[in-house]
PDB file of N, CA and C in Angstrom:
ATOM      1  N   MET A   1     -42.540 -42.179  33.173  1.00  0.00           N
ATOM      2  CA  MET A   1     -41.233 -42.436  33.754  1.00  0.00           C
ATOM      3  C   MET A   1     -40.499 -43.481  32.909  1.00  0.00           C
ATOM      4  N   LYS A   2     -39.266 -43.219  32.600  1.00  0.00           N
ATOM      5  CA  LYS A   2     -38.471 -44.147  31.813  1.00  0.00           C
ATOM      6  C   LYS A   2     -37.897 -45.241  32.707  1.00  0.00           C
ATOM      7  N   LYS A   3     -37.747 -46.452  32.130  1.00  0.00           N
ATOM      8  CA  LYS A   3     -37.177 -47.572  32.866  1.00  0.00           C
ATOM      9  C   LYS A   3     -35.745 -47.794  32.399  1.00  0.00           C
ATOM     10  N   PRO A   4     -34.852 -48.226  33.294  1.00  0.00           N
ATOM     11  CA  PRO A   4     -33.472 -48.506  32.889  1.00  0.00           C
ATOM     12  C   PRO A   4     -33.380 -49.796  32.071  1.00  0.00           C
ATOM     13  N   ILE A   5     -32.414 -49.858  31.169  1.00  0.00           N
ATOM     14  CA  ILE A   5     -32.140 -51.039  30.365  1.00  0.00           C
ATOM     15  C   ILE A   5     -30.796 -51.595  30.817  1.00  0.00           C
ATOM     16  N   TYR A   6     -30.777 -52.891  31.150  1.00  0.00           N
ATOM     17  CA  TYR A   6     -29.556 -53.550  31.623  1.00  0.00           C
ATOM     18  C   TYR A   6     -29.098 -54.583  30.600  1.00  0.00           C
ATOM     19  N   ARG A   7     -27.792 -54.681  30.406  1.00  0.00           N
ATOM     20  CA  ARG A   7     -27.239 -55.750  29.585  1.00  0.00           C
ATOM     21  C   ARG A   7     -27.016 -56.942  30.490  1.00  0.00           C
ATOM     22  N   VAL A   8     -27.540 -58.104  30.086  1.00  0.00           N
ATOM     23  CA  VAL A   8     -27.414 -59.316  30.886  1.00  0.00           C
ATOM     24  C   VAL A   8     -26.851 -60.449  30.030  1.00  0.00           C
ATOM     25  N   ILE A   9     -26.010 -61.245  30.655  1.00  0.00           N
ATOM     26  CA  ILE A   9     -25.483 -62.457  30.028  1.00  0.00           C
ATOM     27  C   ILE A   9     -26.014 -63.624  30.856  1.00  0.00           C
ATOM     28  N   VAL A  10     -26.803 -64.482  30.201  1.00  0.00           N
ATOM     29  CA  VAL A  10     -27.498 -65.556  30.899  1.00  0.00           C
ATOM     30  C   VAL A  10     -26.961 -66.900  30.423  1.00  0.00           C
ATOM     31  N   ASP A  11     -26.477 -67.700  31.368  1.00  0.00           N
ATOM     32  CA  ASP A  11     -26.094 -69.085  31.094  1.00  0.00           C
ATOM     33  C   ASP A  11     -27.285 -69.954  31.486  1.00  0.00           C
ATOM     34  N   PHE A  12     -27.637 -70.891  30.611  1.00  0.00           N
ATOM     35  CA  PHE A  12     -28.790 -71.731  30.901  1.00  0.00           C
ATOM     36  C   PHE A  12     -28.576 -73.140  30.382  1.00  0.00           C
ATOM     37  N   GLN A  13     -29.349 -74.058  30.958  1.00  0.00           N
ATOM     38  CA  GLN A  13     -29.373 -75.445  30.516  1.00  0.00           C
ATOM     39  C   GLN A  13     -30.771 -75.739  30.013  1.00  0.00           C
ATOM     40  N   TYR A  14     -30.853 -76.613  29.011  1.00  0.00           N
ATOM     41  CA  TYR A  14     -32.174 -77.022  28.544  1.00  0.00           C
ATOM     42  C   TYR A  14     -32.131 -78.468  28.092  1.00  0.00           C
ATOM     43  N   ARG A  15     -33.293 -79.088  28.142  1.00  0.00           N
ATOM     44  CA  ARG A  15     -33.434 -80.452  27.653  1.00  0.00           C
ATOM     45  C   ARG A  15     -34.863 -80.652  27.177  1.00  0.00           C
ATOM     46  N   ASN A  16     -35.013 -81.570  26.254  1.00  0.00           N
ATOM     47  CA  ASN A  16     -36.338 -81.882  25.745  1.00  0.00           C
ATOM     48  C   ASN A  16     -37.148 -82.568  26.830  1.00  0.00           C
ATOM     49  N   ASN A  17     -38.449 -82.306  26.842  1.00  0.00           N
ATOM     50  CA  ASN A  17     -39.322 -83.000  27.777  1.00  0.00           C
ATOM     51  C   ASN A  17     -39.427 -84.453  27.351  1.00  0.00           C
ATOM     52  N   GLY A  18     -39.144 -85.369  28.265  1.00  0.00           N
ATOM     53  CA  GLY A  18     -39.291 -86.790  27.971  1.00  0.00           C
ATOM     54  C   GLY A  18     -40.752 -87.200  28.122  1.00  0.00           C
ATOM     55  N   ARG A  19     -41.165 -88.160  27.340  1.00  0.00           N
ATOM     56  CA  ARG A  19     -42.550 -88.621  27.430  1.00  0.00           C
ATOM     57  C   ARG A  19     -42.718 -89.645  28.533  1.00  0.00           C
ATOM     58  N   SER A  20     -41.637 -90.166  29.033  1.00  0.00           N
ATOM     59  CA  SER A  20     -41.730 -91.101  30.140  1.00  0.00           C
ATOM     60  C   SER A  20     -40.506 -90.912  31.029  1.00  0.00           C
ATOM     61  N   ASN A  21     -40.582 -91.438  32.218  1.00  0.00           N
ATOM     62  CA  ASN A  21     -39.464 -91.315  33.158  1.00  0.00           C
ATOM     63  C   ASN A  21     -38.271 -92.177  32.752  1.00  0.00           C
ATOM     64  N   TYR A  22     -38.501 -93.146  31.888  1.00  0.00           N
ATOM     65  CA  TYR A  22     -37.437 -94.050  31.490  1.00  0.00           C
ATOM     66  C   TYR A  22     -36.521 -93.454  30.428  1.00  0.00           C
ATOM     67  N   ILE A  23     -37.002 -92.430  29.741  1.00  0.00           N
ATOM     68  CA  ILE A  23     -36.207 -91.828  28.676  1.00  0.00           C
ATOM     69  C   ILE A  23     -35.304 -90.758  29.280  1.00  0.00           C
ATOM     70  N   LYS A  24     -34.030 -90.927  29.130  1.00  0.00           N
ATOM     71  CA  LYS A  24     -33.071 -89.932  29.595  1.00  0.00           C
ATOM     72  C   LYS A  24     -32.770 -88.992  28.435  1.00  0.00           C
ATOM     73  N   THR A  25     -32.937 -87.712  28.648  1.00  0.00           N
ATOM     74  CA  THR A  25     -32.640 -86.748  27.600  1.00  0.00           C
ATOM     75  C   THR A  25     -31.353 -86.013  27.947  1.00  0.00           C
ATOM     76  N   GLN A  26     -30.633 -85.652  26.922  1.00  0.00           N
ATOM     77  CA  GLN A  26     -29.342 -84.986  27.105  1.00  0.00           C
ATOM     78  C   GLN A  26     -29.557 -83.534  27.520  1.00  0.00           C
ATOM     79  N   ILE A  27     -28.813 -83.088  28.520  1.00  0.00           N
ATOM     80  CA  ILE A  27     -28.864 -81.694  28.969  1.00  0.00           C
ATOM     81  C   ILE A  27     -27.836 -80.911  28.164  1.00  0.00           C
ATOM     82  N   LYS A  28     -28.285 -79.809  27.574  1.00  0.00           N
ATOM     83  CA  LYS A  28     -27.403 -78.962  26.760  1.00  0.00           C
ATOM     84  C   LYS A  28     -27.231 -77.622  27.442  1.00  0.00           C
ATOM     85  N   ASN A  29     -26.059 -77.029  27.302  1.00  0.00           N
ATOM     86  CA  ASN A  29     -25.739 -75.733  27.895  1.00  0.00           C
ATOM     87  C   ASN A  29     -25.623 -74.695  26.791  1.00  0.00           C
ATOM     88  N   ASP A  30     -26.032 -73.464  27.103  1.00  0.00           N
ATOM     89  CA  ASP A  30     -25.926 -72.382  26.133  1.00  0.00           C
ATOM     90  C   ASP A  30     -25.879 -71.056  26.885  1.00  0.00           C
ATOM     91  N   THR A  31     -25.558 -69.994  26.155  1.00  0.00           N
ATOM     92  CA  THR A  31     -25.461 -68.652  26.722  1.00  0.00           C
ATOM     93  C   THR A  31     -26.153 -67.687  25.778  1.00  0.00           C
ATOM     94  N   ILE A  32     -26.815 -66.681  26.350  1.00  0.00           N
ATOM     95  CA  ILE A  32     -27.424 -65.632  25.545  1.00  0.00           C
ATOM     96  C   ILE A  32     -27.009 -64.281  26.138  1.00  0.00           C
ATOM     97  N   ASP A  33     -26.670 -63.355  25.267  1.00  0.00           N
ATOM     98  CA  ASP A  33     -26.281 -62.005  25.640  1.00  0.00           C
ATOM     99  C   ASP A  33     -27.378 -61.081  25.129  1.00  0.00           C
ATOM    100  N   THR A  34     -28.104 -60.447  26.037  1.00  0.00           N
ATOM    101  CA  THR A  34     -29.264 -59.653  25.634  1.00  0.00           C
ATOM    102  C   THR A  34     -29.483 -58.501  26.611  1.00  0.00           C
ATOM    103  N   PHE A  35     -30.596 -57.828  26.443  1.00  0.00           N
ATOM    104  CA  PHE A  35     -30.954 -56.708  27.313  1.00  0.00           C
ATOM    105  C   PHE A  35     -32.242 -57.028  28.068  1.00  0.00           C
ATOM    106  N   ALA A  36     -32.360 -56.498  29.287  1.00  0.00           N
ATOM    107  CA  ALA A  36     -33.550 -56.706  30.114  1.00  0.00           C
ATOM    108  C   ALA A  36     -33.908 -55.393  30.795  1.00  0.00           C
ATOM    109  N   LEU A  37     -35.151 -55.319  31.245  1.00  0.00           N
ATOM    110  CA  LEU A  37     -35.651 -54.092  31.865  1.00  0.00           C
ATOM    111  C   LEU A  37     -35.647 -54.139  33.385  1.00  0.00           C
ATOM    112  N   SER A  38     -34.979 -55.129  33.969  1.00  0.00           N
ATOM    113  CA  SER A  38     -34.981 -55.265  35.416  1.00  0.00           C
ATOM    114  C   SER A  38     -33.707 -55.953  35.882  1.00  0.00           C
ATOM    115  N   LYS A  39     -33.394 -55.806  37.160  1.00  0.00           N
ATOM    116  CA  LYS A  39     -32.278 -56.520  37.776  1.00  0.00           C
ATOM    117  C   LYS A  39     -32.748 -57.790  38.476  1.00  0.00           C
ATOM    118  N   ASP A  40     -34.053 -57.931  38.695  1.00  0.00           N
ATOM    119  CA  ASP A  40     -34.627 -59.084  39.387  1.00  0.00           C
ATOM    120  C   ASP A  40     -34.542 -60.323  38.491  1.00  0.00           C
ATOM    121  N   LYS A  41     -34.030 -61.431  39.021  1.00  0.00           N
ATOM    122  CA  LYS A  41     -33.798 -62.630  38.218  1.00  0.00           C
ATOM    123  C   LYS A  41     -35.086 -63.228  37.662  1.00  0.00           C
ATOM    124  N   ASP A  42     -36.167 -63.217  38.438  1.00  0.00           N
ATOM    125  CA  ASP A  42     -37.432 -63.755  37.938  1.00  0.00           C
ATOM    126  C   ASP A  42     -37.984 -62.902  36.801  1.00  0.00           C
ATOM    127  N   GLU A  43     -37.885 -61.597  36.929  1.00  0.00           N
ATOM    128  CA  GLU A  43     -38.359 -60.714  35.871  1.00  0.00           C
ATOM    129  C   GLU A  43     -37.486 -60.819  34.625  1.00  0.00           C
ATOM    130  N   ILE A  44     -36.186 -61.029  34.803  1.00  0.00           N
ATOM    131  CA  ILE A  44     -35.295 -61.217  33.658  1.00  0.00           C
ATOM    132  C   ILE A  44     -35.696 -62.466  32.900  1.00  0.00           C
ATOM    133  N   TYR A  45     -35.967 -63.559  33.619  1.00  0.00           N
ATOM    134  CA  TYR A  45     -36.368 -64.803  32.956  1.00  0.00           C
ATOM    135  C   TYR A  45     -37.664 -64.610  32.172  1.00  0.00           C
ATOM    136  N   GLU A  46     -38.648 -63.965  32.762  1.00  0.00           N
ATOM    137  CA  GLU A  46     -39.912 -63.736  32.061  1.00  0.00           C
ATOM    138  C   GLU A  46     -39.704 -62.854  30.834  1.00  0.00           C
ATOM    139  N   HIS A  47     -38.797 -61.901  30.929  1.00  0.00           N
ATOM    140  CA  HIS A  47     -38.546 -60.988  29.818  1.00  0.00           C
ATOM    141  C   HIS A  47     -37.825 -61.684  28.661  1.00  0.00           C
ATOM    142  N   ILE A  48     -36.895 -62.600  28.952  1.00  0.00           N
ATOM    143  CA  ILE A  48     -36.094 -63.207  27.887  1.00  0.00           C
ATOM    144  C   ILE A  48     -36.526 -64.621  27.522  1.00  0.00           C
ATOM    145  N   LYS A  49     -37.593 -65.139  28.133  1.00  0.00           N
ATOM    146  CA  LYS A  49     -38.011 -66.515  27.879  1.00  0.00           C
ATOM    147  C   LYS A  49     -38.255 -66.771  26.391  1.00  0.00           C
ATOM    148  N   ASN A  50     -38.930 -65.869  25.699  1.00  0.00           N
ATOM    149  CA  ASN A  50     -39.189 -66.055  24.274  1.00  0.00           C
ATOM    150  C   ASN A  50     -37.903 -66.010  23.449  1.00  0.00           C
ATOM    151  N   LYS A  51     -36.945 -65.192  23.866  1.00  0.00           N
ATOM    152  CA  LYS A  51     -35.656 -65.140  23.164  1.00  0.00           C
ATOM    153  C   LYS A  51     -34.904 -66.461  23.318  1.00  0.00           C
ATOM    154  N   LEU A  52     -34.971 -67.047  24.523  1.00  0.00           N
ATOM    155  CA  LEU A  52     -34.316 -68.335  24.745  1.00  0.00           C
ATOM    156  C   LEU A  52     -34.942 -69.416  23.867  1.00  0.00           C
ATOM    157  N   LEU A  53     -36.269 -69.458  23.838  1.00  0.00           N
ATOM    158  CA  LEU A  53     -36.965 -70.467  23.031  1.00  0.00           C
ATOM    159  C   LEU A  53     -36.658 -70.289  21.543  1.00  0.00           C
ATOM    160  N   ARG A  54     -36.605 -69.056  21.081  1.00  0.00           N
ATOM    161  CA  ARG A  54     -36.296 -68.794  19.684  1.00  0.00           C
ATOM    162  C   ARG A  54     -34.862 -69.229  19.362  1.00  0.00           C
ATOM    163  N   LYS A  55     -33.941 -69.003  20.299  1.00  0.00           N
ATOM    164  CA  LYS A  55     -32.536 -69.365  20.065  1.00  0.00           C
ATOM    165  C   LYS A  55     -32.354 -70.878  19.946  1.00  0.00           C
ATOM    166  N   ILE A  56     -33.060 -71.640  20.783  1.00  0.00           N
ATOM    167  CA  ILE A  56     -32.898 -73.098  20.729  1.00  0.00           C
ATOM    168  C   ILE A  56     -33.879 -73.745  19.748  1.00  0.00           C
ATOM    169  N   GLY A  57     -34.803 -72.983  19.203  1.00  0.00           N
ATOM    170  CA  GLY A  57     -35.699 -73.489  18.168  1.00  0.00           C
ATOM    171  C   GLY A  57     -36.782 -74.417  18.664  1.00  0.00           C
ATOM    172  N   LYS A  58     -37.294 -74.188  19.850  1.00  0.00           N
ATOM    173  CA  LYS A  58     -38.335 -75.041  20.431  1.00  0.00           C
ATOM    174  C   LYS A  58     -39.508 -74.203  20.894  1.00  0.00           C
ATOM    175  N   LYS A  59     -40.635 -74.879  21.129  1.00  0.00           N
ATOM    176  CA  LYS A  59     -41.811 -74.224  21.699  1.00  0.00           C
ATOM    177  C   LYS A  59     -41.778 -74.387  23.216  1.00  0.00           C
ATOM    178  N   GLU A  60     -42.615 -73.629  23.899  1.00  0.00           N
ATOM    179  CA  GLU A  60     -42.557 -73.577  25.359  1.00  0.00           C
ATOM    180  C   GLU A  60     -42.793 -74.929  26.025  1.00  0.00           C
ATOM    181  N   GLY A  61     -43.708 -75.728  25.546  1.00  0.00           N
ATOM    182  CA  GLY A  61     -44.001 -77.012  26.176  1.00  0.00           C
ATOM    183  C   GLY A  61     -43.039 -78.121  25.809  1.00  0.00           C
ATOM    184  N   GLU A  62     -42.141 -77.893  24.868  1.00  0.00           N
ATOM    185  CA  GLU A  62     -41.246 -78.937  24.384  1.00  0.00           C
ATOM    186  C   GLU A  62     -39.962 -79.080  25.182  1.00  0.00           C
ATOM    187  N   VAL A  63     -39.582 -78.055  25.941  1.00  0.00           N
ATOM    188  CA  VAL A  63     -38.298 -78.085  26.651  1.00  0.00           C
ATOM    189  C   VAL A  63     -38.447 -77.616  28.092  1.00  0.00           C
ATOM    190  N   GLN A  64     -37.477 -78.034  28.894  1.00  0.00           N
ATOM    191  CA  GLN A  64     -37.338 -77.526  30.254  1.00  0.00           C
ATOM    192  C   GLN A  64     -36.092 -76.663  30.274  1.00  0.00           C
ATOM    193  N   ILE A  65     -36.230 -75.434  30.773  1.00  0.00           N
ATOM    194  CA  ILE A  65     -35.114 -74.495  30.807  1.00  0.00           C
ATOM    195  C   ILE A  65     -34.767 -74.193  32.259  1.00  0.00           C
ATOM    196  N   LYS A  66     -33.469 -74.249  32.564  1.00  0.00           N
ATOM    197  CA  LYS A  66     -32.986 -73.935  33.911  1.00  0.00           C
ATOM    198  C   LYS A  66     -31.890 -72.885  33.779  1.00  0.00           C
ATOM    199  N   ILE A  67     -32.066 -71.743  34.430  1.00  0.00           N
ATOM    200  CA  ILE A  67     -31.072 -70.673  34.433  1.00  0.00           C
ATOM    201  C   ILE A  67     -29.976 -71.050  35.432  1.00  0.00           C
ATOM    202  N   THR A  68     -28.733 -71.086  34.958  1.00  0.00           N
ATOM    203  CA  THR A  68     -27.638 -71.446  35.857  1.00  0.00           C
ATOM    204  C   THR A  68     -26.878 -70.227  36.373  1.00  0.00           C
ATOM    205  N   ASN A  69     -26.831 -69.151  35.560  1.00  0.00           N
ATOM    206  CA  ASN A  69     -26.101 -67.963  35.991  1.00  0.00           C
ATOM    207  C   ASN A  69     -26.632 -66.752  35.240  1.00  0.00           C
ATOM    208  N   ILE A  70     -26.810 -65.650  35.953  1.00  0.00           N
ATOM    209  CA  ILE A  70     -27.188 -64.383  35.333  1.00  0.00           C
ATOM    210  C   ILE A  70     -26.153 -63.349  35.745  1.00  0.00           C
ATOM    211  N   GLU A  71     -25.492 -62.776  34.762  1.00  0.00           N
ATOM    212  CA  GLU A  71     -24.501 -61.729  35.019  1.00  0.00           C
ATOM    213  C   GLU A  71     -25.044 -60.421  34.466  1.00  0.00           C
ATOM    214  N   ILE A  72     -25.224 -59.448  35.342  1.00  0.00           N
ATOM    215  CA  ILE A  72     -25.731 -58.142  34.929  1.00  0.00           C
ATOM    216  C   ILE A  72     -24.531 -57.237  34.695  1.00  0.00           C
ATOM    217  N   GLU A  73     -24.329 -56.858  33.442  1.00  0.00           N
ATOM    218  CA  GLU A  73     -23.166 -56.047  33.064  1.00  0.00           C
ATOM    219  C   GLU A  73     -23.287 -54.620  33.577  1.00  0.00           C
ATOM    220  N   GLY A  74     -24.471 -54.072  33.549  1.00  0.00           N
ATOM    221  CA  GLY A  74     -24.662 -52.701  33.990  1.00  0.00           C
ATOM    222  C   GLY A  74     -25.758 -52.035  33.188  1.00  0.00           C
ATOM    223  N   GLN A  75     -26.066 -50.812  33.567  1.00  0.00           N
ATOM    224  CA  GLN A  75     -27.129 -50.081  32.890  1.00  0.00           C
ATOM    225  C   GLN A  75     -26.597 -49.484  31.591  1.00  0.00           C
ATOM    226  N   TYR A  76     -27.342 -49.705  30.503  1.00  0.00           N
ATOM    227  CA  TYR A  76     -26.927 -49.235  29.189  1.00  0.00           C
ATOM    228  C   TYR A  76     -27.772 -48.082  28.688  1.00  0.00           C
ATOM    229  N   GLY A  77     -28.712 -47.625  29.463  1.00  0.00           N
ATOM    230  CA  GLY A  77     -29.556 -46.525  29.036  1.00  0.00           C
ATOM    231  C   GLY A  77     -30.930 -46.645  29.658  1.00  0.00           C
ATOM    232  N   GLU A  78     -31.877 -45.936  29.035  1.00  0.00           N
ATOM    233  CA  GLU A  78     -33.258 -45.965  29.508  1.00  0.00           C
ATOM    234  C   GLU A  78     -34.186 -46.157  28.330  1.00  0.00           C
ATOM    235  N   THR A  79     -35.393 -46.625  28.621  1.00  0.00           N
ATOM    236  CA  THR A  79     -36.378 -46.797  27.562  1.00  0.00           C
ATOM    237  C   THR A  79     -36.843 -45.457  27.058  1.00  0.00           C
ATOM    238  N   ASN A  80     -37.352 -45.419  25.833  1.00  0.00           N
ATOM    239  CA  ASN A  80     -37.872 -44.184  25.256  1.00  0.00           C
ATOM    240  C   ASN A  80     -39.312 -43.934  25.642  1.00  0.00           C
ATOM    241  N   ARG A  81     -40.036 -44.996  25.905  1.00  0.00           N
ATOM    242  CA  ARG A  81     -41.462 -44.846  26.191  1.00  0.00           C
ATOM    243  C   ARG A  81     -41.705 -44.426  27.623  1.00  0.00           C
ATOM    244  N   LYS A  82     -42.783 -43.741  27.803  1.00  0.00           N
ATOM    245  CA  LYS A  82     -43.170 -43.304  29.151  1.00  0.00           C
ATOM    246  C   LYS A  82     -44.144 -44.311  29.712  1.00  0.00           C
ATOM    247  N   ILE A  83     -43.882 -44.787  30.924  1.00  0.00           N
ATOM    248  CA  ILE A  83     -44.717 -45.809  31.550  1.00  0.00           C
ATOM    249  C   ILE A  83     -45.481 -45.207  32.697  1.00  0.00           C
TER     250      ILE A  83
END
């Protein structure tokens, strides 16, 4: 069975992990326009987490990422593989 592919635009905030509570780190905002295999927000985050990390140039333990908005543009097709 083929799965639908959705175009999603995700607004997110990220900041470096501080080594202590006294260090205030700057929160940065960014947007990514990509494709996901689900409409569920948790599944979208799991699907695009590596893309977000690659875009900001950090490893998973180095930053905290918070999704602020997910806009699902619509279905753009289906996958080619059979699941």
